[in-house]
Each structure stands twice: as structure tokens, then as C-alpha cells.
Amino acid sequence: MPGSESTPLLVLRNPASRSNLFWILGCLYGATAVGFGAFGAHGLKKTIKDPAKLANFATAAQYQMVHSIALLVASQRTQNLVPGALFTAGMTMFSGSLYALVVDPVRFRWMGPVTPLGGLCLIAGWVALALV
């Protein structure tokens, strides 16, 4: 019945495709974490001299990598979409906002409050993974 409380928010025909979606996202986020980590360690040092900003960029890449692996685990551990969605949203908001704030703090100043929201999503993803 359309609009009933039992209607899922995300309808995927094949239940296995749910875990496949998060598996693919985990792989892509892991690959980009390696790329951003290398950029932060080599390319970014040429333009940004502040060690605190470089450390923030490294933290973003590290958290992205750790949570990419968590997303891979969640994709294989459960068909529940909540842990994977929280890890994906958390990585995007937490790491993404840190990357943006380091590269162009003036332009992306508005993203400052996004970072802790992303961190909360990452924490909630771990709790959700533990409960499913």
C-alpha cells in the first residue's frame, strides 16, 4: 500500500543489491581516502604551511579510511540500511567538511558546523552496527 508505514524508504528489487551498494561505496570511499591522504602528505604541503591544517586534512583521510572499512563490514554483516547510511553520511559530512575547510576556509566557512554532525553520524553508525 503506497504511503503505509510498512513501505520502505528505499526500495531495491534484490536484497543483495543493498549490500552491494554499500560495498561499492566502501570501496570508492577507501580509494579516495588513499588519494586524499597522498595529496595531503605530498601535494598540499606545497600550498599550505600551517601544520594544524595539514593535521586536520590527515585526520579527515584517516577517518575516511577507517569508516570505509566499517562500511565494507556493515555491507556484509547486515541487510539493515541504517549502519551503512550513517557511515556514508558521516564520512561525507565529517571528512568532506574538513577537506573543504583546509583547502579554502573562507569559501567553506559555513561547513564548520557540518563536521560535528558528521562525527555524530559516524558514532551512530557504530552503535547501529552493534545493534543489528
Protein backbone atom coordinates (compact mmCIF):
# COMPACT_ATOMS: atom_id res chain seq x y z
CA MET A 1 0.00 0.00 0.00
CA PRO A 2 1.59 3.32 -1.01
CA GLY A 3 2.26 5.61 1.93
CA SER A 4 1.70 2.98 4.60
CA GLU A 5 4.10 2.74 7.50
CA SER A 6 5.38 -0.59 6.24
CA THR A 7 6.55 0.88 2.92
CA PRO A 8 10.37 1.05 2.91
CA LEU A 9 12.02 4.37 2.17
CA LEU A 10 14.50 2.79 -0.23
CA VAL A 11 13.16 0.06 -2.44
CA LEU A 12 15.72 -2.20 -4.08
CA ARG A 13 14.38 -5.17 -6.00
CA ASN A 14 17.14 -7.53 -4.95
CA PRO A 15 18.01 -7.53 -1.22
CA ALA A 16 21.60 -8.41 -2.15
CA SER A 17 21.85 -5.16 -4.11
CA ARG A 18 21.58 -3.22 -0.83
CA SER A 19 24.78 -4.71 0.50
CA ASN A 20 26.31 -4.40 -2.97
CA LEU A 21 25.59 -0.63 -2.97
CA PHE A 22 27.38 -0.15 0.35
CA TRP A 23 30.19 -2.48 -0.73
CA ILE A 24 30.79 -0.32 -3.81
CA LEU A 25 30.58 2.89 -1.78
CA GLY A 26 33.00 1.47 0.80
CA CYS A 27 35.48 0.61 -1.95
CA LEU A 28 35.15 4.04 -3.57
CA TYR A 29 35.48 5.88 -0.27
CA GLY A 30 38.53 3.74 0.59
CA ALA A 31 40.17 4.50 -2.74
CA THR A 32 39.53 8.23 -2.40
CA ALA A 33 40.85 8.15 1.19
CA VAL A 34 44.16 6.85 -0.15
CA GLY A 35 44.17 9.56 -2.82
CA PHE A 36 43.33 12.35 -0.38
CA GLY A 37 45.90 11.03 2.09
CA ALA A 38 48.60 11.10 -0.57
CA PHE A 39 47.53 14.56 -1.70
CA GLY A 40 47.64 15.81 1.89
CA ALA A 41 51.05 14.27 2.53
CA HIS A 42 52.66 15.48 -0.69
CA GLY A 43 50.74 17.96 -2.84
CA LEU A 44 49.06 20.02 -0.14
CA LYS A 45 52.32 20.73 1.71
CA LYS A 46 53.37 22.94 -1.19
CA THR A 47 50.48 25.36 -0.69
CA ILE A 48 49.53 25.05 3.00
CA LYS A 49 52.22 25.69 5.59
CA ASP A 50 50.08 25.54 8.75
CA PRO A 51 50.79 22.20 10.48
CA ALA A 52 47.37 22.23 12.20
CA LYS A 53 45.59 22.43 8.83
CA LEU A 54 47.73 19.63 7.43
CA ALA A 55 46.92 17.55 10.53
CA ASN A 56 43.19 18.20 10.00
CA PHE A 57 43.46 17.02 6.41
CA ALA A 58 45.30 13.87 7.55
CA THR A 59 42.63 13.25 10.20
CA ALA A 60 39.91 13.50 7.55
CA ALA A 61 41.69 10.95 5.34
CA GLN A 62 42.30 8.62 8.29
CA TYR A 63 38.67 8.73 9.46
CA GLN A 64 37.51 8.22 5.89
CA MET A 65 39.66 5.11 5.53
CA VAL A 66 38.63 3.60 8.87
CA HIS A 67 34.96 4.18 8.16
CA SER A 68 35.28 2.89 4.59
CA ILE A 69 36.33 -0.40 6.13
CA ALA A 70 33.44 -0.16 8.60
CA LEU A 71 31.10 0.37 5.64
CA LEU A 72 32.50 -2.75 3.96
CA VAL A 73 31.89 -4.73 7.15
CA ALA A 74 28.36 -3.33 7.50
CA SER A 75 27.57 -4.26 3.90
CA GLN A 76 28.41 -7.90 4.62
CA ARG A 77 27.15 -8.12 8.20
CA THR A 78 23.55 -6.95 7.79
CA GLN A 79 20.84 -6.15 5.27
CA ASN A 80 19.79 -3.25 7.51
CA LEU A 81 20.47 0.03 5.69
CA VAL A 82 20.93 2.17 8.80
CA PRO A 83 24.60 1.46 9.66
CA GLY A 84 25.72 1.85 6.03
CA ALA A 85 23.70 5.02 5.54
CA LEU A 86 25.10 6.53 8.74
CA PHE A 87 28.70 5.65 7.84
CA THR A 88 28.24 7.08 4.33
CA ALA A 89 26.63 10.30 5.57
CA GLY A 90 29.19 10.62 8.36
CA MET A 91 32.19 10.23 6.06
CA THR A 92 30.74 12.69 3.58
CA MET A 93 30.00 15.32 6.22
CA PHE A 94 32.95 14.80 8.58
CA SER A 95 35.80 14.20 6.15
CA GLY A 96 34.28 16.26 3.35
CA SER A 97 33.88 19.34 5.53
CA LEU A 98 37.41 19.02 6.90
CA TYR A 99 38.85 18.70 3.38
CA ALA A 100 36.94 21.77 2.26
CA LEU A 101 37.83 23.83 5.34
CA VAL A 102 41.53 23.08 4.94
CA VAL A 103 41.67 23.82 1.21
CA ASP A 104 39.55 27.01 1.27
CA PRO A 105 38.49 28.07 4.79
CA VAL A 106 36.97 31.37 3.66
CA ARG A 107 34.77 29.91 0.94
CA PHE A 108 33.68 26.91 3.03
CA ARG A 109 33.40 28.62 6.40
CA TRP A 110 29.72 27.67 6.55
CA MET A 111 30.76 24.00 6.67
CA GLY A 112 32.25 24.33 10.16
CA PRO A 113 29.07 23.12 11.90
CA VAL A 114 28.80 20.18 9.47
CA THR A 115 31.93 18.49 10.87
CA PRO A 116 30.48 17.56 14.29
CA LEU A 117 27.22 16.39 12.67
CA GLY A 118 29.28 14.05 10.52
CA GLY A 119 31.08 12.83 13.63
CA LEU A 120 27.73 12.10 15.28
CA CYS A 121 26.68 10.08 12.22
CA LEU A 122 29.90 8.06 12.44
CA ILE A 123 29.29 7.33 16.12
CA ALA A 124 25.67 6.42 15.42
CA GLY A 125 26.84 4.11 12.62
CA TRP A 126 28.97 2.15 15.08
CA VAL A 127 26.07 1.92 17.55
CA ALA A 128 23.68 0.84 14.80
CA LEU A 129 26.14 -1.79 13.60
CA ALA A 130 26.40 -3.15 17.13
CA LEU A 131 22.61 -3.38 17.48
CA VAL A 132 21.78 -5.17 14.23
